[in-house]
Amino acid sequence: MVIQPNMSSKAIVEVWENTIEILNTYNVPISEKTLEVLVQQDILPTLLMELNTNVGSSSVTCIEGG
């Protein structure tokens, strides 16, 4: 699974506990709101790349819709 902007920071941390450090680095609160709401659009791609690198997910390791 790839971490996507429509996921909440709370759900991300529940699945991948080690992502909390990255979210804290970017001052992202742990909440039910999605990343696309919590994070500035110019920072979001970098954050997503860092989160997915940390958890070992990429579009190569995942299939669309699954």
Foldseek 3Di string as FASTA:
>chain_A
DAQDQQAAQQVLCVVPVVCVVLCVVQPFDRDRGGNVVRDDPVCVVVSSVVSCVVVVDDCVVDDPPD
